Amino acid sequence: MPQTAKNVLQLVSNGNYNHKTKDELKRRAKNEEKLQVSSEHMDPPTYLDSGGKKLFKSIVKLFEETDLLNEADINEIARYCDLTQEYKSCNRRLKRNGRFTDGKPSPDLRMKLQISAELDKLAKNLGLNPAARASLAISMTDEQKGDDDDDF
């Protein structure tokens, strides 16, 4: 299974250039800079319910000091918030109706497990779990040591 693409700063900070020359790395860094997306208008989508919008705003506020989330991530954050609300609904129904129906697991229990797996994936993508933040922190600490473009 191929590895996911990493930006130039991650490659340099990890000391892994993937057999790229300095010119290739510089060109890629310039292209990545052109692809930077604004994070000025991080408003929750209208389809989220009030609880989802509240969670969306709290996530955006948590990361506003970082460059991690931007307008291109709005839909992924919204999916995370919407699924979190659905997860909570499953919990409420399970408490009300029980985990088993006629000796079989409740459909809500199966749905809760599926939503949980999807929430884990989204949390990893968004940097919302400790392992994802630790991975991001490794790159950030190397970048902040004063590495400049000449180190390619």
N, C-alpha and C. Protein backbone atom coordinates (compact mmCIF):
# COMPACT_ATOMS: atom_id res chain seq x y z
N MET A 1 0.85 -1.18 0.00
CA MET A 1 0.00 0.00 0.00
C MET A 1 0.89 1.24 0.00
N PRO A 2 0.69 2.16 -0.95
CA PRO A 2 1.55 3.33 -1.03
C PRO A 2 1.33 4.29 0.13
N GLN A 3 2.40 5.00 0.47
CA GLN A 3 2.29 5.99 1.53
C GLN A 3 1.57 7.23 1.01
N THR A 4 0.91 7.94 1.91
CA THR A 4 0.25 9.18 1.52
C THR A 4 1.31 10.25 1.28
N ALA A 5 1.00 11.19 0.42
CA ALA A 5 1.94 12.25 0.09
C ALA A 5 2.15 13.15 1.31
N LYS A 6 3.39 13.58 1.49
CA LYS A 6 3.73 14.49 2.57
C LYS A 6 4.22 15.79 1.96
N ASN A 7 3.97 16.90 2.66
CA ASN A 7 4.47 18.15 2.13
C ASN A 7 5.98 18.22 2.31
N VAL A 8 6.60 19.17 1.64
CA VAL A 8 8.06 19.29 1.62
C VAL A 8 8.62 19.47 3.02
N LEU A 9 7.97 20.28 3.84
CA LEU A 9 8.48 20.51 5.19
C LEU A 9 8.50 19.22 6.00
N GLN A 10 7.52 18.37 5.81
CA GLN A 10 7.52 17.09 6.51
C GLN A 10 8.64 16.20 6.01
N LEU A 11 8.87 16.20 4.71
CA LEU A 11 9.96 15.39 4.17
C LEU A 11 11.30 15.85 4.71
N VAL A 12 11.52 17.16 4.70
CA VAL A 12 12.79 17.71 5.16
C VAL A 12 12.97 17.49 6.66
N SER A 13 11.91 17.73 7.42
CA SER A 13 12.03 17.59 8.88
C SER A 13 12.28 16.15 9.29
N ASN A 14 11.77 15.19 8.50
CA ASN A 14 12.00 13.78 8.81
C ASN A 14 13.31 13.27 8.21
N GLY A 15 13.99 14.12 7.43
CA GLY A 15 15.25 13.71 6.83
C GLY A 15 15.08 12.74 5.68
N ASN A 16 13.86 12.64 5.14
CA ASN A 16 13.57 11.71 4.06
C ASN A 16 13.17 12.53 2.84
N TYR A 17 14.03 12.58 1.86
CA TYR A 17 13.76 13.39 0.68
C TYR A 17 13.12 12.60 -0.45
N ASN A 18 12.87 11.32 -0.25
CA ASN A 18 12.25 10.46 -1.27
C ASN A 18 12.99 10.56 -2.60
N HIS A 19 14.30 10.60 -2.55
CA HIS A 19 15.15 10.63 -3.74
C HIS A 19 14.86 11.83 -4.63
N LYS A 20 14.54 12.96 -4.03
CA LYS A 20 14.26 14.17 -4.79
C LYS A 20 15.48 15.10 -4.71
N THR A 21 15.73 15.80 -5.80
CA THR A 21 16.84 16.74 -5.82
C THR A 21 16.43 18.03 -5.13
N LYS A 22 17.41 18.89 -4.86
CA LYS A 22 17.11 20.18 -4.23
C LYS A 22 16.18 21.00 -5.10
N ASP A 23 16.39 20.98 -6.41
CA ASP A 23 15.52 21.74 -7.32
C ASP A 23 14.09 21.23 -7.28
N GLU A 24 13.93 19.91 -7.26
CA GLU A 24 12.58 19.33 -7.18
C GLU A 24 11.89 19.72 -5.89
N LEU A 25 12.63 19.69 -4.77
CA LEU A 25 12.06 20.05 -3.49
C LEU A 25 11.68 21.53 -3.45
N LYS A 26 12.54 22.39 -4.00
CA LYS A 26 12.23 23.83 -4.03
C LYS A 26 11.01 24.10 -4.89
N ARG A 27 10.93 23.46 -6.07
CA ARG A 27 9.77 23.64 -6.95
C ARG A 27 8.50 23.16 -6.25
N ARG A 28 8.58 22.04 -5.58
CA ARG A 28 7.41 21.51 -4.87
C ARG A 28 7.01 22.42 -3.72
N ALA A 29 7.98 22.99 -3.01
CA ALA A 29 7.68 23.92 -1.92
C ALA A 29 6.97 25.16 -2.45
N LYS A 30 7.41 25.67 -3.61
CA LYS A 30 6.74 26.84 -4.21
C LYS A 30 5.32 26.50 -4.62
N ASN A 31 5.14 25.31 -5.21
CA ASN A 31 3.79 24.89 -5.61
C ASN A 31 2.87 24.72 -4.41
N GLU A 32 3.40 24.16 -3.32
CA GLU A 32 2.59 24.00 -2.11
C GLU A 32 2.21 25.36 -1.53
N GLU A 33 3.12 26.31 -1.65
CA GLU A 33 2.83 27.66 -1.15
C GLU A 33 1.68 28.28 -1.95
N LYS A 34 1.66 28.03 -3.26
CA LYS A 34 0.58 28.55 -4.12
C LYS A 34 -0.77 27.93 -3.74
N LEU A 35 -0.73 26.73 -3.21
CA LEU A 35 -1.97 26.02 -2.88
C LEU A 35 -2.51 26.33 -1.49
N GLN A 36 -1.86 27.24 -0.77
CA GLN A 36 -2.32 27.61 0.56
C GLN A 36 -3.75 28.15 0.48
N VAL A 37 -4.58 27.76 1.42
CA VAL A 37 -5.98 28.16 1.44
C VAL A 37 -6.23 29.04 2.66
N SER A 38 -7.09 30.01 2.49
CA SER A 38 -7.42 30.94 3.57
C SER A 38 -8.19 30.25 4.69
N SER A 39 -8.08 30.79 5.88
CA SER A 39 -8.87 30.28 7.00
C SER A 39 -9.68 31.40 7.64
N GLU A 40 -10.00 32.42 6.84
CA GLU A 40 -10.73 33.58 7.36
C GLU A 40 -12.21 33.31 7.58
N HIS A 41 -12.82 32.53 6.71
CA HIS A 41 -14.27 32.32 6.77
C HIS A 41 -14.58 30.88 7.15
N MET A 42 -14.33 30.54 8.40
CA MET A 42 -14.56 29.18 8.89
C MET A 42 -15.93 29.11 9.58
N ASP A 43 -16.98 29.21 8.78
CA ASP A 43 -18.34 29.18 9.30
C ASP A 43 -18.93 27.78 9.11
N PRO A 44 -19.72 27.33 10.10
CA PRO A 44 -20.33 26.00 9.97
C PRO A 44 -21.38 25.98 8.85
N PRO A 45 -21.47 24.88 8.12
CA PRO A 45 -22.49 24.76 7.07
C PRO A 45 -23.89 24.81 7.68
N THR A 46 -24.84 25.26 6.90
CA THR A 46 -26.21 25.44 7.39
C THR A 46 -26.91 24.13 7.69
N TYR A 47 -26.47 23.02 7.10
CA TYR A 47 -27.15 21.75 7.33
C TYR A 47 -26.88 21.14 8.70
N LEU A 48 -25.89 21.66 9.42
CA LEU A 48 -25.62 21.14 10.76
C LEU A 48 -26.70 21.60 11.73
N ASP A 49 -27.06 20.74 12.68
CA ASP A 49 -28.00 21.16 13.71
C ASP A 49 -27.25 22.04 14.73
N SER A 50 -27.97 22.53 15.71
CA SER A 50 -27.35 23.48 16.66
C SER A 50 -26.19 22.85 17.42
N GLY A 51 -26.32 21.60 17.81
CA GLY A 51 -25.23 20.92 18.51
C GLY A 51 -24.01 20.74 17.61
N GLY A 52 -24.24 20.42 16.34
CA GLY A 52 -23.17 20.26 15.38
C GLY A 52 -22.45 21.58 15.12
N LYS A 53 -23.23 22.66 15.01
CA LYS A 53 -22.63 23.98 14.80
C LYS A 53 -21.79 24.40 16.00
N LYS A 54 -22.28 24.09 17.19
CA LYS A 54 -21.53 24.43 18.40
C LYS A 54 -20.20 23.68 18.43
N LEU A 55 -20.21 22.39 18.10
CA LEU A 55 -19.00 21.58 18.06
C LEU A 55 -18.05 22.09 16.97
N PHE A 56 -18.61 22.43 15.81
CA PHE A 56 -17.82 22.97 14.71
C PHE A 56 -17.06 24.22 15.16
N LYS A 57 -17.77 25.13 15.78
CA LYS A 57 -17.14 26.38 16.23
C LYS A 57 -16.08 26.12 17.29
N SER A 58 -16.31 25.15 18.16
CA SER A 58 -15.31 24.86 19.20
C SER A 58 -14.05 24.24 18.59
N ILE A 59 -14.19 23.40 17.57
CA ILE A 59 -13.02 22.82 16.90
C ILE A 59 -12.23 23.90 16.18
N VAL A 60 -12.94 24.77 15.47
CA VAL A 60 -12.27 25.86 14.75
C VAL A 60 -11.53 26.76 15.74
N LYS A 61 -12.16 27.04 16.87
CA LYS A 61 -11.52 27.88 17.88
C LYS A 61 -10.27 27.22 18.45
N LEU A 62 -10.32 25.91 18.68
CA LEU A 62 -9.17 25.18 19.19
C LEU A 62 -7.95 25.32 18.28
N PHE A 63 -8.19 25.32 16.98
CA PHE A 63 -7.10 25.31 16.02
C PHE A 63 -6.83 26.67 15.36
N GLU A 64 -7.47 27.73 15.83
CA GLU A 64 -7.29 29.01 15.14
C GLU A 64 -5.88 29.56 15.27
N GLU A 65 -5.13 29.17 16.27
CA GLU A 65 -3.75 29.62 16.44
C GLU A 65 -2.78 28.85 15.53
N THR A 66 -3.23 27.76 14.96
CA THR A 66 -2.37 26.93 14.11
C THR A 66 -2.73 27.16 12.65
N ASP A 67 -1.93 26.62 11.77
CA ASP A 67 -2.22 26.68 10.34
C ASP A 67 -2.80 25.36 9.86
N LEU A 68 -3.24 24.53 10.78
CA LEU A 68 -3.67 23.19 10.42
C LEU A 68 -4.98 23.17 9.64
N LEU A 69 -5.99 23.87 10.08
CA LEU A 69 -7.30 23.84 9.43
C LEU A 69 -7.53 25.12 8.64
N ASN A 70 -8.15 24.96 7.47
CA ASN A 70 -8.49 26.12 6.65
C ASN A 70 -9.84 25.87 5.97
N GLU A 71 -10.22 26.76 5.07
CA GLU A 71 -11.54 26.66 4.44
C GLU A 71 -11.73 25.38 3.63
N ALA A 72 -10.65 24.78 3.17
CA ALA A 72 -10.77 23.53 2.43
C ALA A 72 -11.19 22.37 3.33
N ASP A 73 -11.07 22.55 4.63
CA ASP A 73 -11.40 21.49 5.59
C ASP A 73 -12.81 21.61 6.17
N ILE A 74 -13.55 22.60 5.75
CA ILE A 74 -14.88 22.85 6.33
C ILE A 74 -15.78 21.62 6.23
N ASN A 75 -15.82 20.98 5.07
CA ASN A 75 -16.71 19.82 4.91
C ASN A 75 -16.28 18.65 5.77
N GLU A 76 -14.98 18.46 5.92
CA GLU A 76 -14.51 17.35 6.77
C GLU A 76 -14.83 17.62 8.24
N ILE A 77 -14.66 18.85 8.67
CA ILE A 77 -15.02 19.21 10.05
C ILE A 77 -16.52 19.03 10.25
N ALA A 78 -17.30 19.47 9.26
CA ALA A 78 -18.76 19.34 9.34
C ALA A 78 -19.19 17.88 9.40
N ARG A 79 -18.53 17.02 8.61
CA ARG A 79 -18.84 15.58 8.67
C ARG A 79 -18.56 15.03 10.05
N TYR A 80 -17.43 15.44 10.62
CA TYR A 80 -17.08 14.99 11.97
C TYR A 80 -18.15 15.43 12.97
N CYS A 81 -18.57 16.67 12.87
CA CYS A 81 -19.59 17.20 13.79
C CYS A 81 -20.93 16.51 13.60
N ASP A 82 -21.33 16.30 12.35
CA ASP A 82 -22.60 15.64 12.05
C ASP A 82 -22.58 14.20 12.56
N LEU A 83 -21.49 13.49 12.32
CA LEU A 83 -21.39 12.11 12.81
C LEU A 83 -21.35 12.05 14.34
N THR A 84 -20.75 13.04 14.96
CA THR A 84 -20.73 13.08 16.43
C THR A 84 -22.15 13.23 16.97
N GLN A 85 -22.94 14.05 16.32
CA GLN A 85 -24.34 14.21 16.73
C GLN A 85 -25.12 12.91 16.52
N GLU A 86 -24.85 12.23 15.41
CA GLU A 86 -25.51 10.95 15.15
C GLU A 86 -25.09 9.90 16.18
N TYR A 87 -23.83 9.91 16.55
CA TYR A 87 -23.30 9.01 17.57
C TYR A 87 -24.03 9.23 18.91
N LYS A 88 -24.22 10.50 19.24
CA LYS A 88 -24.94 10.83 20.48
C LYS A 88 -26.39 10.35 20.40
N SER A 89 -27.00 10.47 19.23
CA SER A 89 -28.38 10.00 19.06
C SER A 89 -28.46 8.48 19.25
N CYS A 90 -27.48 7.77 18.70
CA CYS A 90 -27.43 6.31 18.88
C CYS A 90 -27.33 5.97 20.36
N ASN A 91 -26.50 6.69 21.09
CA ASN A 91 -26.36 6.45 22.53
C ASN A 91 -27.68 6.66 23.26
N ARG A 92 -28.39 7.73 22.90
CA ARG A 92 -29.68 8.00 23.56
C ARG A 92 -30.68 6.87 23.27
N ARG A 93 -30.73 6.43 22.00
CA ARG A 93 -31.65 5.34 21.65
C ARG A 93 -31.26 4.04 22.34
N LEU A 94 -29.96 3.77 22.46
CA LEU A 94 -29.51 2.56 23.14
C LEU A 94 -29.88 2.59 24.62
N LYS A 95 -29.76 3.74 25.24
CA LYS A 95 -30.13 3.85 26.66
C LYS A 95 -31.63 3.65 26.84
N ARG A 96 -32.40 4.14 25.89
CA ARG A 96 -33.84 4.06 25.98
C ARG A 96 -34.35 2.65 25.62
N ASN A 97 -33.80 2.05 24.57
CA ASN A 97 -34.33 0.78 24.06
C ASN A 97 -33.51 -0.44 24.44
N GLY A 98 -32.32 -0.25 24.96
CA GLY A 98 -31.45 -1.37 25.31
C GLY A 98 -30.53 -1.75 24.15
N ARG A 99 -29.52 -2.53 24.49
CA ARG A 99 -28.52 -2.92 23.50
C ARG A 99 -28.94 -4.15 22.69
N PHE A 100 -29.91 -4.89 23.17
CA PHE A 100 -30.32 -6.10 22.47
C PHE A 100 -31.82 -6.08 22.21
N THR A 101 -32.21 -6.58 21.04
CA THR A 101 -33.61 -6.71 20.67
C THR A 101 -33.84 -8.16 20.26
N ASP A 102 -34.71 -8.84 20.99
CA ASP A 102 -35.00 -10.26 20.72
C ASP A 102 -33.73 -11.10 20.72
N GLY A 103 -32.82 -10.82 21.63
CA GLY A 103 -31.59 -11.59 21.76
C GLY A 103 -30.51 -11.25 20.74
N LYS A 104 -30.79 -10.30 19.85
CA LYS A 104 -29.82 -9.89 18.84
C LYS A 104 -29.36 -8.47 19.15
N PRO A 105 -28.15 -8.14 18.73
CA PRO A 105 -27.68 -6.76 18.94
C PRO A 105 -28.59 -5.76 18.24
N SER A 106 -28.85 -4.69 18.91
CA SER A 106 -29.69 -3.63 18.35
C SER A 106 -29.05 -3.04 17.10
N PRO A 107 -29.84 -2.63 16.12
CA PRO A 107 -29.29 -1.95 14.94
C PRO A 107 -28.55 -0.67 15.33
N ASP A 108 -28.99 -0.04 16.39
CA ASP A 108 -28.32 1.17 16.87
C ASP A 108 -26.91 0.86 17.37
N LEU A 109 -26.73 -0.32 17.95
CA LEU A 109 -25.40 -0.72 18.42
C LEU A 109 -24.46 -0.89 17.24
N ARG A 110 -24.93 -1.54 16.18
CA ARG A 110 -24.11 -1.70 14.98
C ARG A 110 -23.79 -0.34 14.36
N MET A 111 -24.80 0.52 14.30
CA MET A 111 -24.60 1.85 13.75
C MET A 111 -23.59 2.63 14.58
N LYS A 112 -23.69 2.51 15.89
CA LYS A 112 -22.77 3.21 16.78
C LYS A 112 -21.33 2.77 16.52
N LEU A 113 -21.11 1.48 16.33
CA LEU A 113 -19.77 0.97 16.05
C LEU A 113 -19.25 1.47 14.70
N GLN A 114 -20.11 1.52 13.70
CA GLN A 114 -19.70 2.03 12.38
C GLN A 114 -19.37 3.51 12.46
N ILE A 115 -20.19 4.27 13.14
CA ILE A 115 -19.94 5.71 13.29
C ILE A 115 -18.66 5.94 14.07
N SER A 116 -18.43 5.13 15.08
CA SER A 116 -17.22 5.26 15.88
C SER A 116 -15.97 5.08 15.03
N ALA A 117 -15.98 4.10 14.15
CA ALA A 117 -14.84 3.86 13.27
C ALA A 117 -14.61 5.04 12.33
N GLU A 118 -15.69 5.58 11.79
CA GLU A 118 -15.57 6.74 10.90
C GLU A 118 -15.10 7.97 11.65
N LEU A 119 -15.59 8.16 12.87
CA LEU A 119 -15.14 9.29 13.69
C LEU A 119 -13.65 9.19 13.99
N ASP A 120 -13.16 7.98 14.22
CA ASP A 120 -11.73 7.79 14.46
C ASP A 120 -10.91 8.23 13.25
N LYS A 121 -11.35 7.86 12.05
CA LYS A 121 -10.64 8.25 10.83
C LYS A 121 -10.63 9.76 10.66
N LEU A 122 -11.80 10.37 10.85
CA LEU A 122 -11.89 11.82 10.69
C LEU A 122 -11.06 12.55 11.75
N ALA A 123 -11.09 12.05 12.98
CA ALA A 123 -10.31 12.67 14.05
C ALA A 123 -8.82 12.62 13.73
N LYS A 124 -8.38 11.52 13.15
CA LYS A 124 -6.97 11.40 12.76
C LYS A 124 -6.64 12.42 11.67
N ASN A 125 -7.51 12.53 10.67
CA ASN A 125 -7.28 13.48 9.58
C ASN A 125 -7.25 14.92 10.07
N LEU A 126 -8.08 15.22 11.05
CA LEU A 126 -8.19 16.60 11.53
C LEU A 126 -7.22 16.93 12.67
N GLY A 127 -6.50 15.94 13.15
CA GLY A 127 -5.57 16.18 14.26
C GLY A 127 -6.29 16.29 15.59
N LEU A 128 -7.39 15.56 15.74
CA LEU A 128 -8.20 15.65 16.95
C LEU A 128 -7.92 14.55 17.96
N ASN A 129 -6.97 13.67 17.67
CA ASN A 129 -6.62 12.67 18.67
C ASN A 129 -5.14 12.81 19.03
N PRO A 130 -4.74 12.29 20.18
CA PRO A 130 -3.36 12.48 20.65
C PRO A 130 -2.29 11.97 19.68
N ALA A 131 -2.52 10.85 19.03
CA ALA A 131 -1.52 10.30 18.11
C ALA A 131 -1.34 11.21 16.90
N ALA A 132 -2.43 11.75 16.38
CA ALA A 132 -2.33 12.65 15.23
C ALA A 132 -1.59 13.93 15.61
N ARG A 133 -1.88 14.46 16.79
CA ARG A 133 -1.18 15.69 17.23
C ARG A 133 0.29 15.41 17.49
N ALA A 134 0.61 14.24 18.01
CA ALA A 134 2.01 13.90 18.25
C ALA A 134 2.76 13.83 16.93
N SER A 135 2.14 13.25 15.91
CA SER A 135 2.74 13.17 14.59
C SER A 135 2.96 14.56 14.01
N LEU A 136 1.98 15.43 14.19
CA LEU A 136 2.12 16.81 13.70
C LEU A 136 3.19 17.56 14.49
N ALA A 137 3.26 17.31 15.77
CA ALA A 137 4.23 18.01 16.62
C ALA A 137 5.66 17.66 16.25
N ILE A 138 5.90 16.44 15.82
CA ILE A 138 7.25 16.04 15.41
C ILE A 138 7.71 16.92 14.26
N SER A 139 6.85 17.12 13.29
CA SER A 139 7.20 17.97 12.15
C SER A 139 7.35 19.42 12.57
N MET A 140 6.45 19.90 13.42
CA MET A 140 6.49 21.31 13.82
C MET A 140 7.75 21.64 14.60
N THR A 141 8.17 20.79 15.50
CA THR A 141 9.35 21.11 16.30
C THR A 141 10.59 21.16 15.42
N ASP A 142 10.68 20.30 14.41
CA ASP A 142 11.82 20.34 13.50
C ASP A 142 11.79 21.60 12.66
N GLU A 143 10.61 22.04 12.23
CA GLU A 143 10.49 23.24 11.42
C GLU A 143 10.88 24.48 12.21
N GLN A 144 10.59 24.50 13.50
CA GLN A 144 10.81 25.68 14.31
C GLN A 144 12.26 25.81 14.78
N LYS A 145 13.11 24.85 14.46
CA LYS A 145 14.49 24.91 14.91
C LYS A 145 15.33 25.87 14.08
N GLY A 146 14.73 26.51 13.10
CA GLY A 146 15.46 27.47 12.29
C GLY A 146 15.90 26.89 10.96
N ASP A 147 15.31 25.78 10.55
CA ASP A 147 15.63 25.24 9.24
C ASP A 147 15.18 26.24 8.18
N ASP A 148 16.03 26.48 7.21
CA ASP A 148 15.62 27.34 6.12
C ASP A 148 15.70 26.56 4.82
N ASP A 149 15.29 27.20 3.73
CA ASP A 149 15.19 26.51 2.44
C ASP A 149 16.53 26.00 1.95
N ASP A 150 17.65 26.55 2.44
CA ASP A 150 18.95 26.12 1.96
C ASP A 150 19.30 24.72 2.44
N ASP A 151 18.58 24.17 3.37
CA ASP A 151 18.87 22.85 3.90
C ASP A 151 18.41 21.72 2.99
N PHE A 152 17.71 22.04 1.89
CA PHE A 152 17.25 21.01 0.98
C PHE A 152 18.45 20.26 0.56
